[in-house]
N, C-alpha and C. Protein backbone atom coordinates (compact mmCIF):
# COMPACT_ATOMS: atom_id res chain seq x y z
N UNK A 1 -115.88 60.83 -252.66
CA UNK A 1 -114.51 61.11 -252.63
C UNK A 1 -114.23 61.47 -251.30
N UNK A 2 -112.76 61.01 -250.88
CA UNK A 2 -112.24 61.29 -249.59
C UNK A 2 -111.93 62.66 -249.16
N UNK A 3 -111.45 62.81 -247.89
CA UNK A 3 -111.04 63.97 -247.37
C UNK A 3 -109.79 64.58 -247.93
N UNK A 4 -109.75 65.75 -248.57
CA UNK A 4 -108.41 66.35 -249.11
C UNK A 4 -107.61 66.37 -248.07
N UNK A 5 -106.13 65.82 -248.23
CA UNK A 5 -105.20 66.03 -247.12
C UNK A 5 -104.80 67.54 -246.94
N UNK A 6 -104.34 67.72 -245.76
CA UNK A 6 -103.73 69.22 -245.50
C UNK A 6 -102.50 69.25 -246.37
N UNK A 7 -102.37 70.19 -247.01
CA UNK A 7 -101.01 70.65 -247.71
C UNK A 7 -100.24 71.77 -247.16
N UNK A 8 -99.06 71.73 -247.18
CA UNK A 8 -98.20 72.68 -246.53
C UNK A 8 -97.13 73.23 -247.69
N UNK A 9 -96.89 74.42 -247.67
CA UNK A 9 -95.85 74.72 -248.57
C UNK A 9 -94.52 74.38 -248.16
N UNK A 10 -93.64 73.99 -249.28
CA UNK A 10 -92.26 73.61 -248.91
C UNK A 10 -91.44 74.27 -250.05
N UNK A 11 -90.05 74.28 -249.74
CA UNK A 11 -88.93 75.13 -250.45
C UNK A 11 -88.34 73.99 -251.20
N UNK A 12 -88.01 74.11 -252.30
CA UNK A 12 -87.08 73.16 -253.14
C UNK A 12 -85.84 73.61 -252.67
N UNK A 13 -85.03 72.91 -251.92
CA UNK A 13 -83.73 73.34 -251.43
C UNK A 13 -82.72 73.25 -252.47
N UNK A 14 -82.82 71.90 -253.19
CA UNK A 14 -81.91 71.55 -254.21
C UNK A 14 -81.63 69.98 -254.30
N UNK A 15 -80.52 69.73 -255.18
CA UNK A 15 -80.35 68.36 -255.43
C UNK A 15 -79.06 68.11 -254.70
N UNK A 16 -78.93 67.02 -254.02
CA UNK A 16 -77.68 66.54 -253.44
C UNK A 16 -77.35 64.99 -253.74
N UNK A 17 -76.13 64.73 -253.80
CA UNK A 17 -75.56 63.40 -254.15
C UNK A 17 -75.09 62.86 -252.93
N UNK A 18 -75.57 61.61 -252.55
CA UNK A 18 -75.02 61.04 -251.36
C UNK A 18 -73.92 60.04 -251.80
N UNK A 19 -72.54 60.50 -251.75
CA UNK A 19 -71.55 59.81 -252.31
C UNK A 19 -71.44 58.36 -251.75
N UNK A 20 -71.47 58.23 -250.60
CA UNK A 20 -71.38 56.65 -250.07
C UNK A 20 -72.39 55.70 -250.71
N UNK A 21 -73.57 56.11 -250.98
CA UNK A 21 -74.39 55.43 -251.55
C UNK A 21 -74.92 55.55 -253.11
N UNK A 22 -74.17 56.52 -253.53
CA UNK A 22 -74.37 56.85 -254.96
C UNK A 22 -75.85 57.16 -255.28
N UNK A 23 -76.48 57.82 -254.47
CA UNK A 23 -77.87 58.12 -254.57
C UNK A 23 -78.15 59.70 -254.74
N UNK A 24 -79.04 60.17 -255.47
CA UNK A 24 -79.43 61.53 -255.77
C UNK A 24 -80.68 61.83 -255.18
N UNK A 25 -80.84 62.88 -254.28
CA UNK A 25 -82.14 63.29 -253.54
C UNK A 25 -82.25 64.70 -253.95
N UNK A 26 -83.63 65.03 -254.09
CA UNK A 26 -84.03 66.32 -253.92
C UNK A 26 -84.54 66.67 -252.69
N UNK A 27 -84.19 67.88 -252.28
CA UNK A 27 -84.57 68.34 -250.85
C UNK A 27 -85.64 69.20 -250.74
N UNK A 28 -86.71 68.87 -250.01
CA UNK A 28 -87.83 69.85 -249.81
C UNK A 28 -87.90 70.16 -248.38
N UNK A 29 -87.98 71.53 -247.98
CA UNK A 29 -87.95 71.89 -246.61
C UNK A 29 -89.24 72.45 -246.26
N UNK A 30 -89.75 71.99 -245.04
CA UNK A 30 -91.13 72.66 -244.69
C UNK A 30 -90.48 73.39 -243.50
N UNK A 31 -90.19 74.83 -243.69
CA UNK A 31 -89.79 75.76 -242.73
C UNK A 31 -90.44 75.77 -241.46
N UNK A 32 -91.91 75.72 -241.51
CA UNK A 32 -92.74 75.88 -240.37
C UNK A 32 -92.47 74.61 -239.46
N UNK A 33 -92.34 73.42 -239.85
CA UNK A 33 -92.09 72.34 -239.02
C UNK A 33 -90.66 72.02 -238.89
N UNK A 34 -89.72 72.75 -239.55
CA UNK A 34 -88.34 72.33 -239.62
C UNK A 34 -88.05 71.02 -239.87
N UNK A 35 -88.65 70.47 -240.97
CA UNK A 35 -88.43 69.18 -241.49
C UNK A 35 -88.00 69.40 -242.95
N UNK A 36 -87.01 68.35 -243.15
CA UNK A 36 -86.41 68.19 -244.71
C UNK A 36 -86.99 66.96 -245.18
N UNK A 37 -87.52 66.97 -246.36
CA UNK A 37 -88.08 65.80 -247.04
C UNK A 37 -87.13 65.34 -248.13
N UNK A 38 -86.35 64.17 -248.06
CA UNK A 38 -85.49 63.90 -249.04
C UNK A 38 -86.33 62.91 -250.02
N UNK A 39 -86.17 63.20 -251.36
CA UNK A 39 -86.91 62.28 -252.33
C UNK A 39 -85.85 61.89 -253.24
N UNK A 40 -85.64 60.63 -253.22
CA UNK A 40 -84.71 59.62 -254.10
C UNK A 40 -85.11 60.07 -255.57
N UNK A 41 -84.36 60.54 -256.54
CA UNK A 41 -84.40 60.74 -257.91
C UNK A 41 -83.33 60.40 -258.77
N UNK A 42 -83.76 60.17 -260.11
CA UNK A 42 -82.73 59.78 -261.04
C UNK A 42 -81.84 61.02 -261.58
N UNK A 43 -80.80 60.60 -262.17
CA UNK A 43 -79.83 61.65 -262.77
C UNK A 43 -80.52 62.56 -263.65
N UNK A 44 -81.36 62.14 -264.45
CA UNK A 44 -81.93 62.96 -265.40
C UNK A 44 -82.90 63.94 -264.74
N UNK A 45 -83.54 63.65 -264.04
CA UNK A 45 -84.60 64.50 -263.11
C UNK A 45 -83.58 65.49 -262.36
N UNK A 46 -82.65 65.01 -261.65
CA UNK A 46 -81.69 65.88 -260.84
C UNK A 46 -81.19 67.18 -261.82
N UNK A 47 -80.79 66.67 -263.07
CA UNK A 47 -80.21 67.33 -263.93
C UNK A 47 -81.22 68.43 -264.19
N UNK A 48 -82.49 68.10 -264.55
CA UNK A 48 -83.73 68.90 -264.86
C UNK A 48 -83.85 69.89 -263.76
N UNK A 49 -83.79 69.43 -262.49
CA UNK A 49 -84.19 70.37 -261.27
C UNK A 49 -83.09 71.30 -260.99
N UNK A 50 -81.89 70.91 -261.11
CA UNK A 50 -80.63 71.84 -260.81
C UNK A 50 -80.57 72.97 -262.05
N UNK A 51 -80.82 72.44 -263.22
CA UNK A 51 -80.74 73.60 -264.41
C UNK A 51 -81.64 74.48 -264.18
N UNK A 52 -82.91 74.12 -263.91
CA UNK A 52 -84.03 75.11 -263.67
C UNK A 52 -83.74 76.01 -262.48
N UNK A 53 -83.14 75.42 -261.22
CA UNK A 53 -82.67 76.23 -260.22
C UNK A 53 -81.72 77.29 -260.65
N UNK A 54 -80.83 76.86 -261.26
CA UNK A 54 -79.66 77.57 -261.74
C UNK A 54 -79.94 78.71 -262.95
N UNK A 55 -81.23 78.72 -263.29
CA UNK A 55 -81.65 79.59 -264.45
C UNK A 55 -81.03 79.06 -265.78
N UNK A 56 -80.82 78.00 -266.11
CA UNK A 56 -79.94 77.69 -267.33
C UNK A 56 -80.92 77.48 -268.34
N UNK A 57 -81.00 78.02 -269.48
CA UNK A 57 -81.73 77.78 -270.45
C UNK A 57 -81.16 77.10 -271.54
N UNK A 58 -81.70 75.73 -271.92
CA UNK A 58 -81.00 75.20 -272.97
C UNK A 58 -81.35 75.65 -274.37
N UNK A 59 -80.39 75.35 -275.27
CA UNK A 59 -80.68 76.09 -276.61
C UNK A 59 -81.82 75.60 -277.38
N UNK A 60 -82.31 74.32 -277.13
CA UNK A 60 -83.51 73.61 -277.48
C UNK A 60 -84.41 73.09 -276.20
N UNK A 61 -85.44 73.17 -276.22
CA UNK A 61 -86.24 72.89 -275.16
C UNK A 61 -86.06 71.24 -274.73
N UNK A 62 -85.85 71.15 -273.52
CA UNK A 62 -85.73 69.91 -272.75
C UNK A 62 -87.15 69.34 -272.45
N UNK A 63 -87.48 68.15 -272.13
CA UNK A 63 -88.66 67.52 -271.81
C UNK A 63 -89.57 68.38 -270.79
N UNK A 64 -88.96 68.93 -269.73
CA UNK A 64 -89.83 69.65 -268.88
C UNK A 64 -89.98 70.97 -269.35
N UNK A 65 -89.16 71.66 -270.21
CA UNK A 65 -89.47 72.89 -270.81
C UNK A 65 -90.39 72.70 -272.18
N UNK A 66 -90.35 71.63 -272.64
CA UNK A 66 -91.45 71.26 -273.78
C UNK A 66 -92.74 71.14 -273.12
N UNK A 67 -92.95 70.51 -272.08
CA UNK A 67 -94.14 70.42 -271.35
C UNK A 67 -94.81 71.78 -270.80
N UNK A 68 -93.98 72.55 -270.32
CA UNK A 68 -94.18 74.03 -269.84
C UNK A 68 -94.76 74.64 -271.09
N UNK A 69 -93.98 74.69 -272.18
CA UNK A 69 -94.35 75.42 -273.42
C UNK A 69 -95.82 74.91 -273.94
N UNK A 70 -95.89 73.67 -274.06
CA UNK A 70 -97.13 73.11 -274.39
C UNK A 70 -98.41 73.38 -273.60
N UNK A 71 -98.19 73.38 -272.42
CA UNK A 71 -99.29 73.73 -271.40
C UNK A 71 -99.57 75.07 -271.63
N UNK A 72 -98.57 76.09 -271.85
CA UNK A 72 -98.80 77.41 -271.98
C UNK A 72 -99.56 77.72 -273.26
N UNK A 73 -99.05 77.13 -274.26
CA UNK A 73 -99.78 77.28 -275.63
C UNK A 73 -101.12 76.85 -275.61
N UNK A 74 -101.48 75.67 -274.70
CA UNK A 74 -102.99 75.26 -274.67
C UNK A 74 -103.72 75.98 -273.66
N UNK A 75 -103.24 77.11 -273.22
CA UNK A 75 -103.83 77.87 -272.24
C UNK A 75 -104.13 77.26 -270.77
N UNK A 76 -103.25 76.29 -270.55
CA UNK A 76 -103.51 75.57 -269.47
C UNK A 76 -102.33 75.41 -268.42
N UNK A 77 -101.91 76.68 -268.02
CA UNK A 77 -100.44 76.77 -267.19
C UNK A 77 -100.56 75.96 -265.89
N UNK A 78 -99.51 75.69 -265.30
CA UNK A 78 -99.65 75.01 -263.94
C UNK A 78 -99.80 76.11 -262.82
N UNK A 79 -100.73 75.98 -262.03
CA UNK A 79 -100.76 76.89 -260.83
C UNK A 79 -99.90 76.63 -259.56
N UNK A 80 -99.83 75.34 -259.45
CA UNK A 80 -99.04 74.63 -258.31
C UNK A 80 -98.98 73.42 -258.40
N UNK A 81 -97.86 72.63 -257.77
CA UNK A 81 -97.73 71.17 -257.90
C UNK A 81 -97.94 70.67 -256.28
N UNK A 82 -98.35 69.47 -256.30
CA UNK A 82 -98.66 68.86 -254.91
C UNK A 82 -97.99 67.44 -254.88
N UNK A 83 -97.32 67.48 -253.56
CA UNK A 83 -96.62 65.92 -253.39
C UNK A 83 -97.72 65.43 -252.35
N UNK A 84 -98.57 64.50 -253.04
CA UNK A 84 -99.66 64.01 -252.35
C UNK A 84 -99.65 62.93 -251.41
N UNK A 85 -98.80 61.97 -251.66
CA UNK A 85 -98.44 60.76 -250.87
C UNK A 85 -97.39 59.94 -251.00
N UNK A 86 -97.07 59.22 -249.82
CA UNK A 86 -95.95 58.30 -250.11
C UNK A 86 -96.43 56.93 -249.97
N UNK A 87 -96.15 56.05 -250.85
CA UNK A 87 -96.89 54.68 -250.79
C UNK A 87 -95.76 53.77 -251.31
N UNK A 88 -95.39 52.82 -250.28
CA UNK A 88 -94.38 51.93 -250.66
C UNK A 88 -93.07 52.38 -250.98
N UNK A 89 -92.66 53.51 -250.59
CA UNK A 89 -91.46 54.14 -250.65
C UNK A 89 -91.45 55.08 -251.92
N UNK A 90 -92.41 55.29 -252.70
CA UNK A 90 -92.74 55.99 -253.85
C UNK A 90 -93.55 57.20 -253.50
N UNK A 91 -93.00 58.34 -253.80
CA UNK A 91 -93.70 59.68 -253.72
C UNK A 91 -94.50 59.93 -254.98
N UNK A 92 -95.89 60.31 -254.69
CA UNK A 92 -96.89 60.60 -255.77
C UNK A 92 -97.15 61.99 -255.81
N UNK A 93 -97.29 62.52 -256.83
CA UNK A 93 -97.64 64.07 -257.04
C UNK A 93 -98.61 64.37 -258.07
N UNK A 94 -99.02 65.56 -258.30
CA UNK A 94 -99.79 66.19 -259.23
C UNK A 94 -99.57 67.56 -259.62
N UNK A 95 -99.74 67.62 -260.84
CA UNK A 95 -99.68 69.07 -261.33
C UNK A 95 -101.24 69.62 -261.39
N UNK A 96 -101.18 70.83 -260.69
CA UNK A 96 -102.61 71.49 -260.48
C UNK A 96 -102.62 72.66 -261.59
N UNK A 97 -103.52 72.58 -262.59
CA UNK A 97 -103.46 73.46 -263.58
C UNK A 97 -104.46 74.65 -263.28
N UNK A 98 -104.20 75.82 -263.76
CA UNK A 98 -105.02 76.96 -263.34
C UNK A 98 -106.62 76.66 -263.32
N UNK A 99 -106.91 75.87 -264.14
CA UNK A 99 -108.54 75.42 -264.22
C UNK A 99 -108.76 74.73 -263.32
N UNK A 100 -107.75 74.14 -262.38
CA UNK A 100 -108.19 73.19 -261.35
C UNK A 100 -107.91 71.77 -261.74
N UNK A 101 -107.82 71.55 -262.90
CA UNK A 101 -107.69 70.14 -263.20
C UNK A 101 -106.21 69.71 -262.74
N UNK A 102 -106.32 68.24 -262.49
CA UNK A 102 -105.15 67.75 -261.87
C UNK A 102 -104.40 66.75 -263.02
N UNK A 103 -103.13 66.74 -263.02
CA UNK A 103 -102.41 65.73 -263.80
C UNK A 103 -101.50 64.84 -262.99
N UNK A 104 -101.63 63.66 -262.80
CA UNK A 104 -100.87 62.71 -262.11
C UNK A 104 -99.38 62.88 -262.58
N UNK A 105 -98.39 62.89 -261.62
CA UNK A 105 -96.98 63.20 -261.99
C UNK A 105 -96.00 62.39 -261.12
N UNK A 106 -94.94 61.98 -261.56
CA UNK A 106 -94.00 61.50 -260.53
C UNK A 106 -93.43 62.88 -259.66
N UNK A 107 -93.23 62.97 -258.59
CA UNK A 107 -92.61 63.94 -257.63
C UNK A 107 -91.58 64.83 -258.29
N UNK A 108 -90.62 64.05 -258.84
CA UNK A 108 -89.40 64.63 -259.26
C UNK A 108 -89.84 65.40 -260.67
N UNK A 109 -90.56 64.85 -261.51
CA UNK A 109 -91.17 65.62 -262.52
C UNK A 109 -92.04 67.01 -262.34
N UNK A 110 -92.88 66.64 -261.21
CA UNK A 110 -93.64 67.85 -260.69
C UNK A 110 -92.84 68.98 -260.18
N UNK A 111 -91.72 68.51 -259.61
CA UNK A 111 -90.90 69.62 -259.01
C UNK A 111 -90.07 70.43 -260.18
N UNK A 112 -89.64 69.73 -261.23
CA UNK A 112 -89.06 70.20 -262.22
C UNK A 112 -89.88 71.00 -263.08
N UNK A 113 -91.27 70.65 -263.13
CA UNK A 113 -92.00 71.53 -263.91
C UNK A 113 -92.45 72.94 -262.90
N UNK A 114 -92.73 72.48 -261.71
CA UNK A 114 -92.75 73.68 -260.90
C UNK A 114 -92.00 74.83 -260.94
N UNK A 115 -90.70 74.39 -261.10
CA UNK A 115 -89.48 75.34 -261.06
C UNK A 115 -89.61 76.16 -262.42
N UNK A 116 -90.01 75.52 -263.43
CA UNK A 116 -90.08 76.16 -264.66
C UNK A 116 -91.19 77.18 -264.81
N UNK A 117 -92.33 76.96 -263.92
CA UNK A 117 -93.38 77.75 -263.83
C UNK A 117 -93.24 78.79 -262.77
N UNK A 118 -92.26 78.62 -262.00
CA UNK A 118 -91.91 79.47 -260.69
C UNK A 118 -93.36 79.49 -259.85
N UNK A 119 -93.80 78.23 -259.68
CA UNK A 119 -95.03 78.11 -258.91
C UNK A 119 -94.88 77.33 -257.47
N UNK A 120 -95.75 77.59 -256.77
CA UNK A 120 -95.59 76.73 -255.45
C UNK A 120 -95.72 75.40 -255.59
N UNK A 121 -94.76 74.77 -254.57
CA UNK A 121 -94.74 73.47 -254.40
C UNK A 121 -95.34 73.11 -253.01
N UNK A 122 -96.43 72.38 -252.82
CA UNK A 122 -97.12 71.95 -251.75
C UNK A 122 -96.87 70.49 -251.42
N UNK A 123 -96.83 70.02 -250.20
CA UNK A 123 -96.61 68.80 -249.84
C UNK A 123 -97.64 68.19 -248.63
N UNK A 124 -98.08 67.09 -248.91
CA UNK A 124 -99.09 66.50 -247.68
C UNK A 124 -98.45 66.70 -246.58
N UNK A 125 -99.06 67.31 -245.50
CA UNK A 125 -98.60 67.28 -244.26
C UNK A 125 -98.31 65.86 -243.67
N UNK A 126 -98.94 64.95 -243.92
CA UNK A 126 -98.75 63.53 -243.54
C UNK A 126 -97.49 63.14 -244.13
N UNK A 127 -97.15 63.37 -245.38
CA UNK A 127 -95.81 63.09 -246.19
C UNK A 127 -94.75 63.58 -245.48
N UNK A 128 -94.86 65.05 -245.04
CA UNK A 128 -93.72 65.66 -244.33
C UNK A 128 -93.66 64.96 -242.89
N UNK A 129 -94.63 64.74 -242.18
CA UNK A 129 -94.61 63.91 -240.93
C UNK A 129 -93.75 62.59 -241.07
N UNK A 130 -94.24 61.72 -242.15
CA UNK A 130 -93.61 60.53 -242.31
C UNK A 130 -92.34 60.48 -242.82
N UNK A 131 -91.82 61.22 -243.79
CA UNK A 131 -90.72 61.09 -244.54
C UNK A 131 -89.60 62.33 -244.03
N UNK A 132 -90.15 63.41 -243.26
CA UNK A 132 -89.19 64.45 -242.77
C UNK A 132 -88.14 64.12 -241.80
N UNK A 133 -87.10 64.70 -242.18
CA UNK A 133 -86.02 64.71 -241.12
C UNK A 133 -85.88 66.04 -240.47
N UNK A 134 -85.62 65.95 -239.09
CA UNK A 134 -85.60 67.23 -238.39
C UNK A 134 -84.43 68.07 -238.75
N UNK A 135 -84.44 69.23 -238.97
CA UNK A 135 -83.49 70.14 -239.36
C UNK A 135 -83.20 70.73 -238.11
N UNK A 136 -81.79 70.79 -237.84
CA UNK A 136 -81.20 71.55 -236.50
C UNK A 136 -81.33 72.92 -236.79
N UNK A 137 -82.10 73.63 -235.95
CA UNK A 137 -81.94 74.99 -235.98
C UNK A 137 -80.75 75.86 -235.69
N UNK A 138 -80.54 76.99 -236.45
CA UNK A 138 -79.43 77.73 -236.04
C UNK A 138 -79.59 78.32 -234.71
N UNK A 139 -78.57 78.79 -234.17
CA UNK A 139 -78.64 79.70 -232.94
C UNK A 139 -79.68 80.60 -232.93
N UNK A 140 -80.36 80.79 -231.80
CA UNK A 140 -81.32 81.91 -231.80
C UNK A 140 -80.59 83.36 -231.35
N UNK A 141 -81.35 84.18 -231.60
CA UNK A 141 -80.96 85.56 -231.18
C UNK A 141 -80.36 85.52 -229.71
N UNK A 142 -81.29 84.96 -229.10
CA UNK A 142 -81.21 84.94 -227.68
C UNK A 142 -79.78 84.05 -227.23
N UNK A 143 -79.73 83.12 -227.81
CA UNK A 143 -78.44 82.16 -227.73
C UNK A 143 -77.16 83.09 -227.86
N UNK A 144 -77.21 83.78 -229.09
CA UNK A 144 -76.10 84.55 -229.52
C UNK A 144 -75.88 85.65 -228.51
N UNK A 145 -77.12 86.34 -228.04
CA UNK A 145 -76.90 87.51 -226.90
C UNK A 145 -76.22 86.80 -225.64
N UNK A 146 -76.71 85.72 -225.08
CA UNK A 146 -76.10 85.03 -223.93
C UNK A 146 -74.50 84.69 -224.14
N UNK A 147 -74.23 84.32 -225.30
CA UNK A 147 -72.83 83.99 -225.58
C UNK A 147 -71.98 85.23 -225.77
N UNK A 148 -72.59 86.28 -226.29
CA UNK A 148 -71.76 87.70 -226.15
C UNK A 148 -71.67 88.21 -224.81
N UNK A 149 -72.58 87.84 -224.03
CA UNK A 149 -72.58 88.55 -222.47
C UNK A 149 -71.53 87.71 -221.86
N UNK A 150 -71.50 86.32 -222.08
CA UNK A 150 -70.33 85.54 -221.49
C UNK A 150 -69.02 86.05 -221.94
N UNK A 151 -68.86 86.21 -223.21
CA UNK A 151 -67.72 86.84 -223.81
C UNK A 151 -67.21 88.15 -223.25
N UNK A 152 -68.16 88.98 -223.05
CA UNK A 152 -67.88 90.31 -222.47
C UNK A 152 -67.18 90.18 -221.06
N UNK A 153 -67.63 89.14 -220.28
CA UNK A 153 -67.34 88.92 -218.80
C UNK A 153 -66.14 87.84 -218.54
N UNK A 154 -65.75 87.16 -219.64
CA UNK A 154 -64.80 86.11 -219.50
C UNK A 154 -63.30 86.59 -219.67
N UNK A 155 -62.35 86.18 -218.86
CA UNK A 155 -60.90 86.46 -219.04
C UNK A 155 -60.14 85.29 -219.04
N UNK A 156 -58.92 85.40 -219.60
CA UNK A 156 -58.02 84.30 -219.92
C UNK A 156 -57.69 83.68 -218.66
N UNK A 157 -57.71 84.22 -217.53
CA UNK A 157 -57.71 83.48 -216.05
C UNK A 157 -58.50 82.46 -216.02
N UNK A 158 -59.79 82.85 -216.56
CA UNK A 158 -61.04 81.82 -216.04
C UNK A 158 -60.80 80.43 -216.73
N UNK A 159 -59.80 80.35 -217.51
CA UNK A 159 -59.52 79.13 -218.25
C UNK A 159 -58.34 78.34 -217.62
N UNK A 160 -57.74 78.93 -216.55
CA UNK A 160 -56.55 78.30 -215.88
C UNK A 160 -57.08 77.13 -215.13
N UNK A 161 -56.18 76.07 -214.92
CA UNK A 161 -56.50 74.81 -214.10
C UNK A 161 -56.67 75.21 -212.63
N UNK A 162 -57.70 74.44 -212.23
CA UNK A 162 -57.89 75.02 -210.67
C UNK A 162 -58.49 76.03 -210.36
N UNK A 163 -59.16 76.66 -211.34
CA UNK A 163 -59.62 78.18 -211.07
C UNK A 163 -61.00 78.06 -211.41
N UNK A 164 -61.98 78.80 -210.56
CA UNK A 164 -63.34 78.79 -210.69
C UNK A 164 -63.59 80.00 -211.69
N UNK A 165 -64.36 79.87 -212.80
CA UNK A 165 -64.52 80.94 -213.71
C UNK A 165 -65.21 82.07 -213.03
N UNK A 166 -64.83 83.27 -213.22
CA UNK A 166 -65.36 84.55 -212.67
C UNK A 166 -64.92 84.98 -211.32
N UNK A 167 -63.97 84.24 -210.91
CA UNK A 167 -63.35 84.63 -209.51
C UNK A 167 -62.11 85.49 -209.80
N UNK A 168 -61.46 85.66 -211.08
CA UNK A 168 -60.36 86.45 -211.35
C UNK A 168 -59.06 85.92 -210.94
N UNK A 169 -58.84 84.89 -210.30
CA UNK A 169 -57.48 84.37 -210.05
C UNK A 169 -57.24 83.00 -210.36
N UNK A 170 -56.09 82.42 -210.20
CA UNK A 170 -55.79 81.11 -210.65
C UNK A 170 -54.39 80.84 -210.37
N UNK A 171 -54.07 79.63 -210.60
CA UNK A 171 -52.66 79.14 -210.25
C UNK A 171 -51.95 78.58 -211.67
N UNK A 172 -50.69 79.01 -211.83
CA UNK A 172 -50.03 78.67 -213.08
C UNK A 172 -48.95 77.47 -212.74
N UNK A 173 -48.73 76.62 -213.53
CA UNK A 173 -47.61 75.82 -213.48
C UNK A 173 -46.29 76.30 -213.89
N UNK A 174 -45.60 76.23 -213.09
CA UNK A 174 -44.01 77.06 -213.55
C UNK A 174 -43.24 76.02 -214.25
């Protein structure tokens, strides 16, 4: 057997629709690497993921709910799911049962099941590196502090034409 890939925890951000392309993606965030992994999914899987995130319980079990119930009844709950590889544009995944057994799954189905078990979603670090899109970080506390310092010392005159900021004078057009 080969070497197991390094797995990193990811957060299921949610389902988004790209209106221009009419495509639906589920977004996974690797907060440590600040990378967002978009996975193209179908409308049925999108609905299953969104419903689980919203805490919607259908009156009768849907497919992912049925799978959860069957695994629990069989004494084989899911411990976590893994997005294991990206091959020819297709994400591959596995349900990892508490027993350690692995069940091959589509990434979208694995995510929908993980949400129903409230378990971890792990992604291969290689997949995150290959498919991840950099997330622009929010302003740091230091940036905010520097901006506040600037605001504390700036005056309206600093923005007048022909005036050097911080010198306190300027000219006005009459």
